[in-house]
């Protein structure tokens, strides 16, 4: 069995925050997504929804951010492993991009359904 260091919540949290900072500083798509998501988070506060409705909207938006973070991790691993162009590396990056695309699609659908239910 591997000798693992003791778990330290605060140290591990600082690593997570460093990761978010790095993604924010280096990923243009992350900045674009945040520029869209942050105003939507404010808008949803003013919608006449149940607690569950608000949670569904917020979770759908955070799904995009989470997926983008995972995609950025995939891209960095691929870049580290493959210095030259490689078909499998491209497929891995494309799969990560597809996950982000799908998460945006799901969030959009959720928002459309919730807004339409409010209107009609």
PDB file of N, CA and C in Angstrom:
ATOM      1  N   UNK A   1       0.837  -1.182   0.000  1.00  0.00           N
ATOM      2  CA  UNK A   1       0.000   0.000   0.000  1.00  0.00           C
ATOM      3  C   UNK A   1       0.881   1.244   0.000  1.00  0.00           C
ATOM      4  N   UNK A   2       0.480   2.213  -0.782  1.00  0.00           N
ATOM      5  CA  UNK A   2       1.211   3.469  -0.900  1.00  0.00           C
ATOM      6  C   UNK A   2       1.135   4.288   0.384  1.00  0.00           C
ATOM      7  N   UNK A   3       2.223   4.932   0.698  1.00  0.00           N
ATOM      8  CA  UNK A   3       2.238   5.821   1.852  1.00  0.00           C
ATOM      9  C   UNK A   3       1.705   7.184   1.417  1.00  0.00           C
ATOM     10  N   UNK A   4       0.462   7.456   1.753  1.00  0.00           N
ATOM     11  CA  UNK A   4      -0.165   8.697   1.323  1.00  0.00           C
ATOM     12  C   UNK A   4      -0.073   9.750   2.416  1.00  0.00           C
ATOM     13  N   UNK A   5       0.107  11.006   2.021  1.00  0.00           N
ATOM     14  CA  UNK A   5       0.139  12.072   3.032  1.00  0.00           C
ATOM     15  C   UNK A   5      -1.231  12.242   3.667  1.00  0.00           C
ATOM     16  N   UNK A   6      -1.240  12.825   4.864  1.00  0.00           N
ATOM     17  CA  UNK A   6      -2.505  13.075   5.556  1.00  0.00           C
ATOM     18  C   UNK A   6      -3.350  14.051   4.752  1.00  0.00           C
ATOM     19  N   UNK A   7      -4.631  13.851   4.820  1.00  0.00           N
ATOM     20  CA  UNK A   7      -5.575  14.735   4.143  1.00  0.00           C
ATOM     21  C   UNK A   7      -5.615  16.067   4.875  1.00  0.00           C
ATOM     22  N   UNK A   8      -5.522  17.148   4.136  1.00  0.00           N
ATOM     23  CA  UNK A   8      -5.596  18.481   4.715  1.00  0.00           C
ATOM     24  C   UNK A   8      -6.579  19.298   3.879  1.00  0.00           C
ATOM     25  N   UNK A   9      -7.750  19.522   4.438  1.00  0.00           N
ATOM     26  CA  UNK A   9      -8.821  20.196   3.709  1.00  0.00           C
ATOM     27  C   UNK A   9      -8.384  21.552   3.173  1.00  0.00           C
ATOM     28  N   UNK A  10      -7.733  22.345   4.005  1.00  0.00           N
ATOM     29  CA  UNK A  10      -7.364  23.705   3.594  1.00  0.00           C
ATOM     30  C   UNK A  10      -6.288  23.695   2.517  1.00  0.00           C
ATOM     31  N   UNK A  11      -5.324  22.785   2.639  1.00  0.00           N
ATOM     32  CA  UNK A  11      -4.278  22.687   1.624  1.00  0.00           C
ATOM     33  C   UNK A  11      -4.883  22.228   0.295  1.00  0.00           C
ATOM     34  N   UNK A  12      -5.751  21.222   0.359  1.00  0.00           N
ATOM     35  CA  UNK A  12      -6.393  20.724  -0.860  1.00  0.00           C
ATOM     36  C   UNK A  12      -7.297  21.787  -1.481  1.00  0.00           C
ATOM     37  N   UNK A  13      -7.965  22.566  -0.648  1.00  0.00           N
ATOM     38  CA  UNK A  13      -8.808  23.644  -1.171  1.00  0.00           C
ATOM     39  C   UNK A  13      -7.968  24.700  -1.868  1.00  0.00           C
ATOM     40  N   UNK A  14      -6.780  24.964  -1.345  1.00  0.00           N
ATOM     41  CA  UNK A  14      -5.916  25.955  -1.996  1.00  0.00           C
ATOM     42  C   UNK A  14      -5.470  25.455  -3.368  1.00  0.00           C
ATOM     43  N   UNK A  15      -5.265  24.140  -3.504  1.00  0.00           N
ATOM     44  CA  UNK A  15      -4.920  23.581  -4.815  1.00  0.00           C
ATOM     45  C   UNK A  15      -6.072  23.785  -5.797  1.00  0.00           C
ATOM     46  N   UNK A  16      -7.291  23.564  -5.318  1.00  0.00           N
ATOM     47  CA  UNK A  16      -8.466  23.745  -6.177  1.00  0.00           C
ATOM     48  C   UNK A  16      -8.593  25.196  -6.621  1.00  0.00           C
ATOM     49  N   UNK A  17      -8.379  26.111  -5.708  1.00  0.00           N
ATOM     50  CA  UNK A  17      -8.464  27.534  -6.056  1.00  0.00           C
ATOM     51  C   UNK A  17      -7.355  27.937  -7.020  1.00  0.00           C
ATOM     52  N   UNK A  18      -6.168  27.349  -6.857  1.00  0.00           N
ATOM     53  CA  UNK A  18      -5.080  27.600  -7.809  1.00  0.00           C
ATOM     54  C   UNK A  18      -5.472  27.111  -9.201  1.00  0.00           C
ATOM     55  N   UNK A  19      -6.138  25.945  -9.245  1.00  0.00           N
ATOM     56  CA  UNK A  19      -6.595  25.413 -10.523  1.00  0.00           C
ATOM     57  C   UNK A  19      -7.612  26.322 -11.184  1.00  0.00           C
ATOM     58  N   UNK A  20      -8.567  26.819 -10.405  1.00  0.00           N
ATOM     59  CA  UNK A  20      -9.562  27.750 -10.954  1.00  0.00           C
ATOM     60  C   UNK A  20      -8.899  29.025 -11.459  1.00  0.00           C
ATOM     61  N   UNK A  21      -7.943  29.531 -10.690  1.00  0.00           N
ATOM     62  CA  UNK A  21      -7.235  30.745 -11.101  1.00  0.00           C
ATOM     63  C   UNK A  21      -6.488  30.514 -12.406  1.00  0.00           C
ATOM     64  N   UNK A  22      -5.831  29.369 -12.517  1.00  0.00           N
ATOM     65  CA  UNK A  22      -5.084  29.053 -13.735  1.00  0.00           C
ATOM     66  C   UNK A  22      -6.011  28.934 -14.937  1.00  0.00           C
ATOM     67  N   UNK A  23      -7.131  28.259 -14.754  1.00  0.00           N
ATOM     68  CA  UNK A  23      -8.087  28.115 -15.855  1.00  0.00           C
ATOM     69  C   UNK A  23      -8.620  29.488 -16.260  1.00  0.00           C
ATOM     70  N   UNK A  24      -8.943  30.320 -15.277  1.00  0.00           N
ATOM     71  CA  UNK A  24      -9.446  31.662 -15.581  1.00  0.00           C
ATOM     72  C   UNK A  24      -8.415  32.479 -16.355  1.00  0.00           C
ATOM     73  N   UNK A  25      -7.164  32.381 -15.953  1.00  0.00           N
ATOM     74  CA  UNK A  25      -6.110  33.176 -16.590  1.00  0.00           C
ATOM     75  C   UNK A  25      -5.730  32.670 -17.976  1.00  0.00           C
ATOM     76  N   UNK A  26      -5.919  31.373 -18.238  1.00  0.00           N
ATOM     77  CA  UNK A  26      -5.386  30.783 -19.466  1.00  0.00           C
ATOM     78  C   UNK A  26      -6.412  30.257 -20.460  1.00  0.00           C
ATOM     79  N   UNK A  27      -7.670  30.203 -20.081  1.00  0.00           N
ATOM     80  CA  UNK A  27      -8.696  29.647 -20.972  1.00  0.00           C
ATOM     81  C   UNK A  27      -9.700  30.725 -21.359  1.00  0.00           C
ATOM     82  N   UNK A  28      -9.648  31.152 -22.600  1.00  0.00           N
ATOM     83  CA  UNK A  28     -10.566  32.196 -23.077  1.00  0.00           C
ATOM     84  C   UNK A  28     -12.019  31.731 -22.989  1.00  0.00           C
ATOM     85  N   UNK A  29     -12.266  30.467 -23.312  1.00  0.00           N
ATOM     86  CA  UNK A  29     -13.641  29.960 -23.279  1.00  0.00           C
ATOM     87  C   UNK A  29     -14.217  30.014 -21.863  1.00  0.00           C
ATOM     88  N   UNK A  30     -13.379  29.794 -20.857  1.00  0.00           N
ATOM     89  CA  UNK A  30     -13.826  29.868 -19.465  1.00  0.00           C
ATOM     90  C   UNK A  30     -14.284  31.292 -19.134  1.00  0.00           C
ATOM     91  N   UNK A  31     -13.527  32.279 -19.591  1.00  0.00           N
ATOM     92  CA  UNK A  31     -13.901  33.678 -19.352  1.00  0.00           C
ATOM     93  C   UNK A  31     -15.212  34.025 -20.053  1.00  0.00           C
ATOM     94  N   UNK A  32     -15.380  33.536 -21.266  1.00  0.00           N
ATOM     95  CA  UNK A  32     -16.621  33.792 -22.007  1.00  0.00           C
ATOM     96  C   UNK A  32     -17.802  33.151 -21.288  1.00  0.00           C
ATOM     97  N   UNK A  33     -17.619  31.909 -20.856  1.00  0.00           N
ATOM     98  CA  UNK A  33     -18.695  31.218 -20.141  1.00  0.00           C
ATOM     99  C   UNK A  33     -19.048  31.953 -18.850  1.00  0.00           C
ATOM    100  N   UNK A  34     -18.040  32.404 -18.109  1.00  0.00           N
ATOM    101  CA  UNK A  34     -18.312  33.166 -16.883  1.00  0.00           C
ATOM    102  C   UNK A  34     -19.041  34.471 -17.180  1.00  0.00           C
ATOM    103  N   UNK A  35     -18.683  35.120 -18.281  1.00  0.00           N
ATOM    104  CA  UNK A  35     -19.326  36.382 -18.652  1.00  0.00           C
ATOM    105  C   UNK A  35     -20.810  36.184 -18.949  1.00  0.00           C
ATOM    106  N   UNK A  36     -21.182  34.998 -19.348  1.00  0.00           N
ATOM    107  CA  UNK A  36     -22.591  34.684 -19.603  1.00  0.00           C
ATOM    108  C   UNK A  36     -23.260  34.156 -18.338  1.00  0.00           C
ATOM    109  N   UNK A  37     -22.558  33.305 -17.610  1.00  0.00           N
ATOM    110  CA  UNK A  37     -23.138  32.633 -16.449  1.00  0.00           C
ATOM    111  C   UNK A  37     -23.375  33.585 -15.275  1.00  0.00           C
ATOM    112  N   UNK A  38     -22.427  34.450 -14.977  1.00  0.00           N
ATOM    113  CA  UNK A  38     -22.585  35.335 -13.812  1.00  0.00           C
ATOM    114  C   UNK A  38     -23.828  36.223 -13.902  1.00  0.00           C
ATOM    115  N   UNK A  39     -24.096  36.874 -15.041  1.00  0.00           N
ATOM    116  CA  UNK A  39     -25.357  37.634 -15.129  1.00  0.00           C
ATOM    117  C   UNK A  39     -26.603  36.742 -15.008  1.00  0.00           C
ATOM    118  N   UNK A  40     -26.528  35.531 -15.544  1.00  0.00           N
ATOM    119  CA  UNK A  40     -27.672  34.622 -15.424  1.00  0.00           C
ATOM    120  C   UNK A  40     -27.917  34.232 -13.968  1.00  0.00           C
ATOM    121  N   UNK A  41     -26.846  34.081 -13.193  1.00  0.00           N
ATOM    122  CA  UNK A  41     -27.009  33.785 -11.768  1.00  0.00           C
ATOM    123  C   UNK A  41     -27.729  34.929 -11.059  1.00  0.00           C
ATOM    124  N   UNK A  42     -27.433  36.155 -11.458  1.00  0.00           N
ATOM    125  CA  UNK A  42     -28.119  37.314 -10.876  1.00  0.00           C
ATOM    126  C   UNK A  42     -29.580  37.334 -11.323  1.00  0.00           C
ATOM    127  N   UNK A  43     -29.817  37.101 -12.599  1.00  0.00           N
ATOM    128  CA  UNK A  43     -31.185  37.116 -13.144  1.00  0.00           C
ATOM    129  C   UNK A  43     -32.068  36.098 -12.436  1.00  0.00           C
ATOM    130  N   UNK A  44     -31.551  34.901 -12.211  1.00  0.00           N
ATOM    131  CA  UNK A  44     -32.389  33.850 -11.634  1.00  0.00           C
ATOM    132  C   UNK A  44     -32.864  34.195 -10.227  1.00  0.00           C
ATOM    133  N   UNK A  45     -32.115  35.049  -9.521  1.00  0.00           N
ATOM    134  CA  UNK A  45     -32.529  35.468  -8.178  1.00  0.00           C
ATOM    135  C   UNK A  45     -33.869  36.200  -8.235  1.00  0.00           C
ATOM    136  N   UNK A  46     -34.115  36.925  -9.311  1.00  0.00           N
ATOM    137  CA  UNK A  46     -35.319  37.749  -9.429  1.00  0.00           C
ATOM    138  C   UNK A  46     -36.496  37.016 -10.079  1.00  0.00           C
ATOM    139  N   UNK A  47     -36.287  35.779 -10.488  1.00  0.00           N
ATOM    140  CA  UNK A  47     -37.378  35.008 -11.078  1.00  0.00           C
ATOM    141  C   UNK A  47     -38.272  34.458  -9.976  1.00  0.00           C
ATOM    142  N   UNK A  48     -39.559  34.434 -10.247  1.00  0.00           N
ATOM    143  CA  UNK A  48     -40.531  33.935  -9.277  1.00  0.00           C
ATOM    144  C   UNK A  48     -40.584  32.407  -9.360  1.00  0.00           C
ATOM    145  N   UNK A  49     -39.608  31.767  -8.699  1.00  0.00           N
ATOM    146  CA  UNK A  49     -39.489  30.313  -8.743  1.00  0.00           C
ATOM    147  C   UNK A  49     -39.457  29.739  -7.337  1.00  0.00           C
ATOM    148  N   UNK A  50     -39.744  28.459  -7.256  1.00  0.00           N
ATOM    149  CA  UNK A  50     -39.566  27.750  -5.992  1.00  0.00           C
ATOM    150  C   UNK A  50     -38.069  27.577  -5.737  1.00  0.00           C
ATOM    151  N   UNK A  51     -37.743  27.156  -4.542  1.00  0.00           N
ATOM    152  CA  UNK A  51     -36.343  26.879  -4.220  1.00  0.00           C
ATOM    153  C   UNK A  51     -35.773  25.846  -5.185  1.00  0.00           C
ATOM    154  N   UNK A  52     -36.577  24.829  -5.493  1.00  0.00           N
ATOM    155  CA  UNK A  52     -36.130  23.791  -6.418  1.00  0.00           C
ATOM    156  C   UNK A  52     -35.857  24.358  -7.806  1.00  0.00           C
ATOM    157  N   UNK A  53     -36.704  25.281  -8.251  1.00  0.00           N
ATOM    158  CA  UNK A  53     -36.501  25.911  -9.552  1.00  0.00           C
ATOM    159  C   UNK A  53     -35.199  26.687  -9.607  1.00  0.00           C
ATOM    160  N   UNK A  54     -34.931  27.444  -8.552  1.00  0.00           N
ATOM    161  CA  UNK A  54     -33.667  28.189  -8.483  1.00  0.00           C
ATOM    162  C   UNK A  54     -32.479  27.227  -8.489  1.00  0.00           C
ATOM    163  N   UNK A  55     -32.586  26.169  -7.709  1.00  0.00           N
ATOM    164  CA  UNK A  55     -31.486  25.200  -7.645  1.00  0.00           C
ATOM    165  C   UNK A  55     -31.222  24.547  -8.995  1.00  0.00           C
ATOM    166  N   UNK A  56     -32.274  24.215  -9.707  1.00  0.00           N
ATOM    167  CA  UNK A  56     -32.113  23.595 -11.027  1.00  0.00           C
ATOM    168  C   UNK A  56     -31.366  24.536 -11.966  1.00  0.00           C
ATOM    169  N   UNK A  57     -31.731  25.809 -11.952  1.00  0.00           N
ATOM    170  CA  UNK A  57     -31.048  26.775 -12.820  1.00  0.00           C
ATOM    171  C   UNK A  57     -29.580  26.941 -12.429  1.00  0.00           C
ATOM    172  N   UNK A  58     -29.312  27.060 -11.141  1.00  0.00           N
ATOM    173  CA  UNK A  58     -27.935  27.243 -10.669  1.00  0.00           C
ATOM    174  C   UNK A  58     -27.091  26.006 -10.969  1.00  0.00           C
ATOM    175  N   UNK A  59     -27.638  24.834 -10.689  1.00  0.00           N
ATOM    176  CA  UNK A  59     -26.893  23.592 -10.939  1.00  0.00           C
ATOM    177  C   UNK A  59     -26.595  23.433 -12.424  1.00  0.00           C
ATOM    178  N   UNK A  60     -27.547  23.797 -13.274  1.00  0.00           N
ATOM    179  CA  UNK A  60     -27.301  23.674 -14.718  1.00  0.00           C
ATOM    180  C   UNK A  60     -26.144  24.568 -15.151  1.00  0.00           C
ATOM    181  N   UNK A  61     -26.040  25.754 -14.565  1.00  0.00           N
ATOM    182  CA  UNK A  61     -24.941  26.661 -14.916  1.00  0.00           C
ATOM    183  C   UNK A  61     -23.608  26.173 -14.357  1.00  0.00           C
ATOM    184  N   UNK A  62     -23.622  25.687 -13.128  1.00  0.00           N
ATOM    185  CA  UNK A  62     -22.378  25.164 -12.562  1.00  0.00           C
ATOM    186  C   UNK A  62     -21.917  23.911 -13.290  1.00  0.00           C
ATOM    187  N   UNK A  63     -22.856  23.177 -13.888  1.00  0.00           N
ATOM    188  CA  UNK A  63     -22.467  22.023 -14.705  1.00  0.00           C
ATOM    189  C   UNK A  63     -21.554  22.425 -15.849  1.00  0.00           C
ATOM    190  N   UNK A  64     -21.807  23.586 -16.423  1.00  0.00           N
ATOM    191  CA  UNK A  64     -20.951  24.088 -17.508  1.00  0.00           C
ATOM    192  C   UNK A  64     -19.550  24.372 -16.980  1.00  0.00           C
ATOM    193  N   UNK A  65     -19.469  25.052 -15.848  1.00  0.00           N
ATOM    194  CA  UNK A  65     -18.170  25.402 -15.264  1.00  0.00           C
ATOM    195  C   UNK A  65     -17.397  24.143 -14.886  1.00  0.00           C
ATOM    196  N   UNK A  66     -18.071  23.198 -14.271  1.00  0.00           N
ATOM    197  CA  UNK A  66     -17.422  21.947 -13.872  1.00  0.00           C
ATOM    198  C   UNK A  66     -16.900  21.210 -15.092  1.00  0.00           C
ATOM    199  N   UNK A  67     -17.717  21.122 -16.126  1.00  0.00           N
ATOM    200  CA  UNK A  67     -17.304  20.423 -17.344  1.00  0.00           C
ATOM    201  C   UNK A  67     -16.128  21.127 -18.008  1.00  0.00           C
ATOM    202  N   UNK A  68     -16.132  22.443 -18.010  1.00  0.00           N
ATOM    203  CA  UNK A  68     -15.014  23.199 -18.585  1.00  0.00           C
ATOM    204  C   UNK A  68     -13.729  22.952 -17.804  1.00  0.00           C
ATOM    205  N   UNK A  69     -13.832  22.844 -16.486  1.00  0.00           N
ATOM    206  CA  UNK A  69     -12.645  22.535 -15.673  1.00  0.00           C
ATOM    207  C   UNK A  69     -12.093  21.150 -16.017  1.00  0.00           C
ATOM    208  N   UNK A  70     -12.966  20.177 -16.152  1.00  0.00           N
ATOM    209  CA  UNK A  70     -12.533  18.824 -16.527  1.00  0.00           C
ATOM    210  C   UNK A  70     -11.911  18.842 -17.915  1.00  0.00           C
ATOM    211  N   UNK A  71     -12.533  19.544 -18.850  1.00  0.00           N
ATOM    212  CA  UNK A  71     -11.998  19.650 -20.206  1.00  0.00           C
ATOM    213  C   UNK A  71     -10.612  20.289 -20.203  1.00  0.00           C
ATOM    214  N   UNK A  72     -10.426  21.311 -19.404  1.00  0.00           N
ATOM    215  CA  UNK A  72      -9.112  21.960 -19.322  1.00  0.00           C
ATOM    216  C   UNK A  72      -8.069  20.992 -18.783  1.00  0.00           C
ATOM    217  N   UNK A  73      -8.452  20.176 -17.818  1.00  0.00           N
ATOM    218  CA  UNK A  73      -7.537  19.160 -17.300  1.00  0.00           C
ATOM    219  C   UNK A  73      -7.161  18.144 -18.363  1.00  0.00           C
ATOM    220  N   UNK A  74      -8.143  17.710 -19.144  1.00  0.00           N
ATOM    221  CA  UNK A  74      -7.872  16.773 -20.245  1.00  0.00           C
ATOM    222  C   UNK A  74      -6.907  17.405 -21.239  1.00  0.00           C
ATOM    223  N   UNK A  75      -7.170  18.640 -21.614  1.00  0.00           N
ATOM    224  CA  UNK A  75      -6.305  19.319 -22.588  1.00  0.00           C
ATOM    225  C   UNK A  75      -4.872  19.434 -22.087  1.00  0.00           C
ATOM    226  N   UNK A  76      -4.708  19.752 -20.817  1.00  0.00           N
ATOM    227  CA  UNK A  76      -3.360  19.883 -20.267  1.00  0.00           C
ATOM    228  C   UNK A  76      -2.636  18.537 -20.231  1.00  0.00           C
ATOM    229  N   UNK A  77      -3.350  17.490 -19.855  1.00  0.00           N
ATOM    230  CA  UNK A  77      -2.734  16.150 -19.839  1.00  0.00           C
ATOM    231  C   UNK A  77      -2.312  15.726 -21.242  1.00  0.00           C
ATOM    232  N   UNK A  78      -3.172  15.966 -22.210  1.00  0.00           N
ATOM    233  CA  UNK A  78      -2.849  15.614 -23.597  1.00  0.00           C
ATOM    234  C   UNK A  78      -1.647  16.420 -24.074  1.00  0.00           C
ATOM    235  N   UNK A  79      -1.624  17.704 -23.781  1.00  0.00           N
ATOM    236  CA  UNK A  79      -0.495  18.544 -24.192  1.00  0.00           C
ATOM    237  C   UNK A  79       0.806  18.083 -23.543  1.00  0.00           C
ATOM    238  N   UNK A  80       0.724  17.624 -22.306  1.00  0.00           N
ATOM    239  CA  UNK A  80       1.908  17.129 -21.611  1.00  0.00           C
ATOM    240  C   UNK A  80       2.402  15.821 -22.220  1.00  0.00           C
ATOM    241  N   UNK A  81       1.465  14.944 -22.576  1.00  0.00           N
ATOM    242  CA  UNK A  81       1.829  13.621 -23.082  1.00  0.00           C
ATOM    243  C   UNK A  81       2.252  13.640 -24.547  1.00  0.00           C
ATOM    244  N   UNK A  82       1.694  14.537 -25.333  1.00  0.00           N
ATOM    245  CA  UNK A  82       1.949  14.544 -26.780  1.00  0.00           C
ATOM    246  C   UNK A  82       2.458  15.910 -27.212  1.00  0.00           C
ATOM    247  N   UNK A  83       3.709  15.956 -27.568  1.00  0.00           N
ATOM    248  CA  UNK A  83       4.287  17.227 -28.028  1.00  0.00           C
ATOM    249  C   UNK A  83       3.960  17.490 -29.503  1.00  0.00           C
ATOM    250  N   UNK A  84       3.789  16.433 -30.267  1.00  0.00           N
ATOM    251  CA  UNK A  84       3.441  16.590 -31.683  1.00  0.00           C
ATOM    252  C   UNK A  84       1.982  16.171 -31.890  1.00  0.00           C
ATOM    253  N   UNK A  85       1.456  16.485 -33.060  1.00  0.00           N
ATOM    254  CA  UNK A  85       0.066  16.137 -33.350  1.00  0.00           C
ATOM    255  C   UNK A  85      -0.102  14.624 -33.381  1.00  0.00           C
ATOM    256  N   UNK A  86      -1.240  14.193 -32.824  1.00  0.00           N
ATOM    257  CA  UNK A  86      -1.525  12.772 -32.706  1.00  0.00           C
ATOM    258  C   UNK A  86      -3.039  12.597 -32.802  1.00  0.00           C
ATOM    259  N   UNK A  87      -3.479  11.586 -33.547  1.00  0.00           N
ATOM    260  CA  UNK A  87      -4.917  11.372 -33.752  1.00  0.00           C
ATOM    261  C   UNK A  87      -5.638  11.090 -32.435  1.00  0.00           C
ATOM    262  N   UNK A  88      -5.053  10.258 -31.567  1.00  0.00           N
ATOM    263  CA  UNK A  88      -5.707   9.963 -30.290  1.00  0.00           C
ATOM    264  C   UNK A  88      -5.757  11.196 -29.390  1.00  0.00           C
ATOM    265  N   UNK A  89      -4.717  12.010 -29.443  1.00  0.00           N
ATOM    266  CA  UNK A  89      -4.717  13.250 -28.664  1.00  0.00           C
ATOM    267  C   UNK A  89      -5.845  14.163 -29.141  1.00  0.00           C
ATOM    268  N   UNK A  90      -6.021  14.251 -30.441  1.00  0.00           N
ATOM    269  CA  UNK A  90      -7.102  15.062 -31.004  1.00  0.00           C
ATOM    270  C   UNK A  90      -8.463  14.531 -30.562  1.00  0.00           C
ATOM    271  N   UNK A  91      -8.609  13.208 -30.592  1.00  0.00           N
ATOM    272  CA  UNK A  91      -9.887  12.610 -30.187  1.00  0.00           C
ATOM    273  C   UNK A  91     -10.180  12.879 -28.714  1.00  0.00           C
ATOM    274  N   UNK A  92      -9.138  12.827 -27.872  1.00  0.00           N
ATOM    275  CA  UNK A  92      -9.333  13.110 -26.448  1.00  0.00           C
ATOM    276  C   UNK A  92      -9.777  14.557 -26.245  1.00  0.00           C
ATOM    277  N   UNK A  93      -9.119  15.473 -26.924  1.00  0.00           N
ATOM    278  CA  UNK A  93      -9.493  16.888 -26.809  1.00  0.00           C
ATOM    279  C   UNK A  93     -10.889  17.139 -27.375  1.00  0.00           C
ATOM    280  N   UNK A  94     -11.207  16.500 -28.484  1.00  0.00           N
ATOM    281  CA  UNK A  94     -12.534  16.656 -29.083  1.00  0.00           C
ATOM    282  C   UNK A  94     -13.621  16.114 -28.157  1.00  0.00           C
ATOM    283  N   UNK A  95     -13.330  15.007 -27.473  1.00  0.00           N
ATOM    284  CA  UNK A  95     -14.304  14.432 -26.543  1.00  0.00           C
ATOM    285  C   UNK A  95     -14.557  15.388 -25.378  1.00  0.00           C
ATOM    286  N   UNK A  96     -13.496  16.000 -24.871  1.00  0.00           N
ATOM    287  CA  UNK A  96     -13.662  16.987 -23.803  1.00  0.00           C
ATOM    288  C   UNK A  96     -14.476  18.180 -24.266  1.00  0.00           C
ATOM    289  N   UNK A  97     -14.193  18.649 -25.473  1.00  0.00           N
ATOM    290  CA  UNK A  97     -14.950  19.775 -26.033  1.00  0.00           C
ATOM    291  C   UNK A  97     -16.416  19.395 -26.233  1.00  0.00           C
ATOM    292  N   UNK A  98     -16.663  18.153 -26.637  1.00  0.00           N
ATOM    293  CA  UNK A  98     -18.041  17.684 -26.816  1.00  0.00           C
ATOM    294  C   UNK A  98     -18.788  17.688 -25.485  1.00  0.00           C
ATOM    295  N   UNK A  99     -18.104  17.314 -24.409  1.00  0.00           N
ATOM    296  CA  UNK A  99     -18.736  17.325 -23.085  1.00  0.00           C
ATOM    297  C   UNK A  99     -19.151  18.743 -22.694  1.00  0.00           C
ATOM    298  N   UNK A 100     -18.290  19.708 -22.956  1.00  0.00           N
ATOM    299  CA  UNK A 100     -18.631  21.108 -22.664  1.00  0.00           C
ATOM    300  C   UNK A 100     -19.819  21.542 -23.519  1.00  0.00           C
ATOM    301  N   UNK A 101     -19.779  21.211 -24.792  1.00  0.00           N
ATOM    302  CA  UNK A 101     -20.858  21.547 -25.718  1.00  0.00           C
ATOM    303  C   UNK A 101     -22.190  20.975 -25.222  1.00  0.00           C
ATOM    304  N   UNK A 102     -22.174  19.716 -24.808  1.00  0.00           N
ATOM    305  CA  UNK A 102     -23.400  19.079 -24.322  1.00  0.00           C
ATOM    306  C   UNK A 102     -23.882  19.713 -23.018  1.00  0.00           C
ATOM    307  N   UNK A 103     -22.958  20.073 -22.132  1.00  0.00           N
ATOM    308  CA  UNK A 103     -23.373  20.703 -20.872  1.00  0.00           C
ATOM    309  C   UNK A 103     -24.019  22.063 -21.133  1.00  0.00           C
ATOM    310  N   UNK A 104     -23.510  22.787 -22.115  1.00  0.00           N
ATOM    311  CA  UNK A 104     -24.120  24.065 -22.492  1.00  0.00           C
ATOM    312  C   UNK A 104     -25.510  23.821 -23.085  1.00  0.00           C
ATOM    313  N   UNK A 105     -25.639  22.787 -23.897  1.00  0.00           N
ATOM    314  CA  UNK A 105     -26.937  22.440 -24.470  1.00  0.00           C
ATOM    315  C   UNK A 105     -27.954  22.074 -23.406  1.00  0.00           C
ATOM    316  N   UNK A 106     -27.542  21.271 -22.435  1.00  0.00           N
ATOM    317  CA  UNK A 106     -28.444  20.873 -21.352  1.00  0.00           C
ATOM    318  C   UNK A 106     -28.858  22.090 -20.528  1.00  0.00           C
ATOM    319  N   UNK A 107     -27.894  22.935 -20.171  1.00  0.00           N
ATOM    320  CA  UNK A 107     -28.214  24.133 -19.386  1.00  0.00           C
ATOM    321  C   UNK A 107     -29.166  25.048 -20.157  1.00  0.00           C
ATOM    322  N   UNK A 108     -28.928  25.198 -21.442  1.00  0.00           N
ATOM    323  CA  UNK A 108     -29.807  26.035 -22.270  1.00  0.00           C
ATOM    324  C   UNK A 108     -31.222  25.481 -22.285  1.00  0.00           C
ATOM    325  N   UNK A 109     -31.342  24.179 -22.456  1.00  0.00           N
ATOM    326  CA  UNK A 109     -32.652  23.533 -22.472  1.00  0.00           C
ATOM    327  C   UNK A 109     -33.363  23.710 -21.131  1.00  0.00           C
ATOM    328  N   UNK A 110     -32.641  23.526 -20.044  1.00  0.00           N
ATOM    329  CA  UNK A 110     -33.221  23.706 -18.708  1.00  0.00           C
ATOM    330  C   UNK A 110     -33.744  25.130 -18.549  1.00  0.00           C
ATOM    331  N   UNK A 111     -32.927  26.110 -18.917  1.00  0.00           N
ATOM    332  CA  UNK A 111     -33.347  27.509 -18.791  1.00  0.00           C
ATOM    333  C   UNK A 111     -34.555  27.807 -19.673  1.00  0.00           C
ATOM    334  N   UNK A 112     -34.566  27.306 -20.889  1.00  0.00           N
ATOM    335  CA  UNK A 112     -35.697  27.539 -21.795  1.00  0.00           C
ATOM    336  C   UNK A 112     -36.977  26.965 -21.208  1.00  0.00           C
ATOM    337  N   UNK A 113     -36.908  25.746 -20.702  1.00  0.00           N
ATOM    338  CA  UNK A 113     -38.096  25.101 -20.136  1.00  0.00           C
ATOM    339  C   UNK A 113     -38.600  25.872 -18.920  1.00  0.00           C
ATOM    340  N   UNK A 114     -37.693  26.251 -18.029  1.00  0.00           N
ATOM    341  CA  UNK A 114     -38.099  26.981 -16.819  1.00  0.00           C
ATOM    342  C   UNK A 114     -38.715  28.334 -17.180  1.00  0.00           C
ATOM    343  N   UNK A 115     -38.098  29.056 -18.102  1.00  0.00           N
ATOM    344  CA  UNK A 115     -38.624  30.371 -18.501  1.00  0.00           C
ATOM    345  C   UNK A 115     -39.983  30.226 -19.187  1.00  0.00           C
ATOM    346  N   UNK A 116     -40.111  29.238 -20.071  1.00  0.00           N
ATOM    347  CA  UNK A 116     -41.399  29.027 -20.745  1.00  0.00           C
ATOM    348  C   UNK A 116     -42.495  28.665 -19.751  1.00  0.00           C
ATOM    349  N   UNK A 117     -42.155  27.880 -18.728  1.00  0.00           N
ATOM    350  CA  UNK A 117     -43.152  27.536 -17.706  1.00  0.00           C
ATOM    351  C   UNK A 117     -43.578  28.775 -16.917  1.00  0.00           C
ATOM    352  N   UNK A 118     -42.655  29.705 -16.743  1.00  0.00           N
ATOM    353  CA  UNK A 118     -43.010  30.953 -16.053  1.00  0.00           C
ATOM    354  C   UNK A 118     -43.951  31.805 -16.895  1.00  0.00           C
ATOM    355  N   UNK A 119     -43.710  31.813 -18.199  1.00  0.00           N
ATOM    356  CA  UNK A 119     -44.493  32.657 -19.103  1.00  0.00           C
ATOM    357  C   UNK A 119     -45.882  32.075 -19.351  1.00  0.00           C
ATOM    358  N   UNK A 120     -45.955  30.763 -19.539  1.00  0.00           N
ATOM    359  CA  UNK A 120     -47.234  30.142 -19.912  1.00  0.00           C
ATOM    360  C   UNK A 120     -47.842  29.417 -18.761  1.00  0.00           C
TER     361      UNK A 120
END
